[in-house]
């Protein structure tokens, strides 16, 4: 949000209420100027047998009223029982095009050089190309769509809708062609703090709850 000078967000989720399946993260963005921003993010995800922890540093630039571009450098630590712990540095780049106030298009590329997981094997960290669109249907209704294409990976399509029946309260709903196809949640706004509650649903394994807090400062 270019109208905010600083934004801090933290979130944690639990897959199917299983103690060993947790995800979480912390992110910070700071606008140096009206057109330049830097970001920092920490994420963790995984189980006892496979874990991934990452730290990312990012820079974004508003080129003009229609174009934005950004670049991230990510440190990724991967632990897998058969190979042990491996460390890699990966780039991520993206561009954003805003043809109108109500419509936005974005494309990102993660790990474009297909970095090897280990020098002792040919296994590579997945490369992803993600394209997304945002459309503001009205003041209360916003639509989202995202398509992710990965080499040797299942293609992932996400569709979402955001409805704000009154100021300070937002309802979300989404669908994707993955293991947890249905999701929904709420956001409660209180001054500079947003409280986010959400869950994903699997028809056999059940719910995966998540909670997040966002703090914004002018």
Protein backbone atom coordinates (compact mmCIF):
# COMPACT_ATOMS: atom_id res chain seq x y z
CA UNK A 1 0.00 0.00 0.00
CA UNK A 2 1.82 3.13 -1.20
CA UNK A 3 -0.21 5.34 1.15
CA UNK A 4 1.38 3.66 4.19
CA UNK A 5 4.99 4.25 5.15
CA UNK A 6 5.30 1.06 7.22
CA UNK A 7 3.37 -2.22 7.25
CA UNK A 8 4.05 -5.20 9.53
CA UNK A 9 2.22 -8.50 9.24
CA UNK A 10 2.42 -11.80 11.10
CA UNK A 11 0.49 -15.02 10.48
CA UNK A 12 0.36 -18.67 11.51
CA UNK A 13 -1.70 -21.59 10.23
CA UNK A 14 -2.22 -25.22 11.15
CA UNK A 15 -2.99 -27.95 8.61
CA UNK A 16 -5.97 -30.10 9.59
CA UNK A 17 -5.34 -29.44 13.34
CA UNK A 18 -2.25 -31.70 13.23
CA UNK A 19 0.54 -30.54 15.63
CA UNK A 20 3.32 -31.29 13.12
CA UNK A 21 1.82 -29.37 10.20
CA UNK A 22 2.31 -25.67 10.86
CA UNK A 23 3.11 -22.69 8.65
CA UNK A 24 3.84 -19.11 9.54
CA UNK A 25 5.61 -15.92 8.67
CA UNK A 26 6.51 -12.33 9.42
CA UNK A 27 6.70 -9.55 6.85
CA UNK A 28 7.71 -5.87 6.97
CA UNK A 29 7.53 -3.24 4.24
CA UNK A 30 8.77 0.33 4.44
CA UNK A 31 8.33 3.10 1.86
CA UNK A 32 11.60 5.01 1.54
CA UNK A 33 9.96 7.46 -0.85
CA UNK A 34 6.60 7.68 -2.61
CA UNK A 35 7.91 5.36 -5.36
CA UNK A 36 10.52 3.19 -3.58
CA UNK A 37 9.95 0.52 -0.94
CA UNK A 38 11.96 -2.20 0.77
CA UNK A 39 10.71 -5.39 2.38
CA UNK A 40 11.79 -8.17 4.71
CA UNK A 41 10.09 -11.53 5.25
CA UNK A 42 10.58 -14.72 7.27
CA UNK A 43 8.61 -17.90 6.56
CA UNK A 44 8.55 -21.45 7.92
CA UNK A 45 6.74 -24.50 6.63
CA UNK A 46 7.02 -28.26 6.89
CA UNK A 47 6.92 -31.46 8.90
CA UNK A 48 9.43 -33.53 10.86
CA UNK A 49 10.66 -35.15 7.62
CA UNK A 50 10.63 -32.10 5.35
CA UNK A 51 11.09 -28.49 6.46
CA UNK A 52 11.65 -25.24 4.62
CA UNK A 53 12.60 -21.96 6.28
CA UNK A 54 13.27 -18.80 4.29
CA UNK A 55 14.40 -15.22 4.76
CA UNK A 56 13.80 -12.69 2.00
CA UNK A 57 14.93 -9.14 1.23
CA UNK A 58 13.06 -7.18 -1.44
CA UNK A 59 13.07 -3.85 -3.26
CA UNK A 60 10.23 -2.43 -5.34
CA UNK A 61 10.06 0.60 -7.61
CA UNK A 62 7.08 2.53 -8.93
CA UNK A 63 8.19 3.31 -12.47
CA UNK A 64 5.13 5.38 -13.38
CA UNK A 65 1.41 5.48 -12.67
CA UNK A 66 0.87 2.20 -14.52
CA UNK A 67 4.00 0.10 -13.88
CA UNK A 68 5.74 -1.26 -10.78
CA UNK A 69 8.66 -3.69 -10.59
CA UNK A 70 10.32 -5.60 -7.78
CA UNK A 71 13.22 -7.93 -7.04
CA UNK A 72 13.81 -10.25 -4.05
CA UNK A 73 16.76 -12.29 -2.83
CA UNK A 74 15.67 -15.31 -0.78
CA UNK A 75 17.76 -17.46 1.54
CA UNK A 76 16.17 -20.92 1.66
CA UNK A 77 17.05 -23.64 4.17
CA UNK A 78 15.66 -27.05 3.29
CA UNK A 79 15.80 -30.08 5.59
CA UNK A 80 14.95 -33.54 4.29
CA UNK A 81 15.90 -36.70 6.17
CA UNK A 82 17.68 -38.38 3.26
CA UNK A 83 19.80 -35.34 2.25
CA UNK A 84 20.07 -33.43 5.53
CA UNK A 85 20.07 -29.64 5.69
CA UNK A 86 20.80 -27.59 2.54
CA UNK A 87 21.14 -23.82 2.05
CA UNK A 88 20.44 -21.92 -1.16
CA UNK A 89 20.04 -18.35 -2.39
CA UNK A 90 17.24 -17.78 -4.91
CA UNK A 91 16.02 -14.71 -6.83
CA UNK A 92 12.42 -13.70 -7.38
CA UNK A 93 11.31 -10.94 -9.75
CA UNK A 94 7.97 -9.41 -10.59
CA UNK A 95 6.19 -6.67 -12.50
CA UNK A 96 2.78 -5.09 -12.03
CA UNK A 97 0.69 -3.30 -14.65
CA UNK A 98 -2.31 -1.12 -13.72
CA UNK A 99 -4.24 -0.20 -16.87
CA UNK A 100 -6.99 1.47 -14.83
CA UNK A 101 -7.85 2.25 -11.21
CA UNK A 102 -10.09 -0.81 -11.02
CA UNK A 103 -7.87 -3.34 -12.84
CA UNK A 104 -4.40 -4.68 -12.02
CA UNK A 105 -2.21 -7.42 -13.58
CA UNK A 106 0.92 -8.93 -12.02
CA UNK A 107 3.51 -11.55 -12.99
CA UNK A 108 6.28 -13.04 -10.82
CA UNK A 109 9.04 -15.58 -11.47
CA UNK A 110 10.46 -17.60 -8.57
CA UNK A 111 13.87 -19.31 -8.90
CA UNK A 112 14.25 -18.59 -12.65
CA UNK A 113 17.66 -20.31 -12.84
CA UNK A 114 16.38 -23.65 -11.43
CA UNK A 115 18.98 -23.77 -8.65
CA UNK A 116 20.02 -27.28 -7.59
CA UNK A 117 18.93 -28.41 -4.16
CA UNK A 118 22.31 -30.06 -3.61
CA UNK A 119 25.58 -30.31 -5.52
CA UNK A 120 25.46 -34.07 -4.97
CA UNK A 121 22.25 -34.62 -6.96
CA UNK A 122 20.38 -33.32 -10.00
CA UNK A 123 17.28 -32.46 -7.96
CA UNK A 124 16.36 -28.81 -8.40
CA UNK A 125 14.28 -26.38 -6.40
CA UNK A 126 11.03 -25.79 -8.33
CA UNK A 127 10.71 -22.81 -10.65
CA UNK A 128 7.33 -21.06 -10.61
CA UNK A 129 5.76 -18.49 -12.89
CA UNK A 130 2.69 -16.86 -11.35
CA UNK A 131 0.23 -14.50 -13.03
CA UNK A 132 -2.54 -12.74 -11.17
CA UNK A 133 -5.29 -10.21 -11.78
CA UNK A 134 -7.31 -7.93 -9.50
CA UNK A 135 -10.56 -6.25 -10.45
CA UNK A 136 -12.55 -3.81 -8.33
CA UNK A 137 -16.13 -4.53 -9.30
CA UNK A 138 -17.51 -1.91 -6.91
CA UNK A 139 -16.60 -0.18 -3.67
CA UNK A 140 -17.73 -3.26 -1.75
CA UNK A 141 -16.76 -6.12 -4.09
CA UNK A 142 -13.30 -7.09 -5.36
CA UNK A 143 -12.34 -10.09 -7.51
CA UNK A 144 -9.03 -11.97 -7.64
CA UNK A 145 -7.54 -14.69 -9.86
CA UNK A 146 -4.10 -16.34 -9.85
CA UNK A 147 -2.54 -19.00 -12.05
CA UNK A 148 0.73 -20.68 -11.11
CA UNK A 149 2.74 -22.75 -13.56
CA UNK A 150 5.63 -24.83 -12.25
CA UNK A 151 8.03 -27.10 -14.10
CA UNK A 152 7.04 -30.71 -13.34
CA UNK A 153 4.43 -29.41 -10.90
CA UNK A 154 0.62 -29.43 -10.84
CA UNK A 155 -0.73 -26.19 -12.28
CA UNK A 156 -2.59 -24.21 -9.66
CA UNK A 157 -5.57 -21.92 -10.31
CA UNK A 158 -6.96 -19.74 -7.52
CA UNK A 159 -10.14 -17.67 -7.61
CA UNK A 160 -11.24 -15.30 -4.87
CA UNK A 161 -13.84 -12.72 -3.95
CA UNK A 162 -13.74 -10.02 -1.27
CA UNK A 163 -16.90 -8.37 0.06
CA UNK A 164 -16.97 -5.42 2.47
CA UNK A 165 -20.58 -5.08 3.72
CA UNK A 166 -19.59 -2.21 5.99
CA UNK A 167 -16.46 -0.24 6.77
CA UNK A 168 -14.07 -2.18 8.98
CA UNK A 169 -15.44 -5.66 8.21
CA UNK A 170 -14.41 -7.75 5.17
CA UNK A 171 -15.48 -11.25 4.10
CA UNK A 172 -13.31 -13.44 1.84
CA UNK A 173 -14.02 -16.65 -0.07
CA UNK A 174 -11.83 -18.61 -2.46
CA UNK A 175 -11.43 -21.74 -4.54
CA UNK A 176 -8.36 -23.52 -5.92
CA UNK A 177 -7.66 -26.81 -7.71
CA UNK A 178 -5.44 -28.23 -4.96
CA UNK A 179 -5.61 -30.40 -1.84
CA UNK A 180 -7.62 -27.77 0.07
CA UNK A 181 -9.94 -26.35 -2.61
CA UNK A 182 -12.24 -24.17 -0.49
CA UNK A 183 -11.24 -21.27 1.77
CA UNK A 184 -12.99 -18.43 3.53
CA UNK A 185 -12.20 -15.81 6.16
CA UNK A 186 -12.82 -12.44 7.75
CA UNK A 187 -10.90 -9.25 8.43
CA UNK A 188 -11.74 -6.85 11.27
CA UNK A 189 -10.21 -3.38 11.03
CA UNK A 190 -9.48 -1.38 14.17
CA UNK A 191 -7.61 1.85 13.43
CA UNK A 192 -4.14 0.79 12.24
CA UNK A 193 -4.56 -2.91 13.08
CA UNK A 194 -6.23 -5.57 10.94
CA UNK A 195 -7.23 -8.90 12.52
CA UNK A 196 -7.46 -11.71 9.95
CA UNK A 197 -9.18 -15.05 10.58
CA UNK A 198 -9.33 -17.68 7.84
CA UNK A 199 -9.54 -21.39 7.14
CA UNK A 200 -9.17 -23.85 4.27
CA UNK A 201 -11.35 -26.94 3.94
CA UNK A 202 -10.56 -30.44 2.65
CA UNK A 203 -13.52 -32.75 2.11
CA UNK A 204 -11.78 -35.64 3.93
CA UNK A 205 -9.13 -34.16 6.23
CA UNK A 206 -11.18 -31.18 7.41
CA UNK A 207 -10.23 -27.61 8.30
CA UNK A 208 -6.88 -25.77 8.36
CA UNK A 209 -7.31 -22.62 10.49
CA UNK A 210 -5.12 -19.53 10.22
CA UNK A 211 -4.82 -16.23 12.05
CA UNK A 212 -2.94 -13.05 11.15
CA UNK A 213 -2.34 -9.48 12.35
CA UNK A 214 -1.43 -6.48 10.19
CA UNK A 215 -0.24 -3.13 11.53
CA UNK A 216 0.00 -0.05 9.32
CA UNK A 217 1.41 3.39 9.94
CA UNK A 218 1.21 6.51 7.80
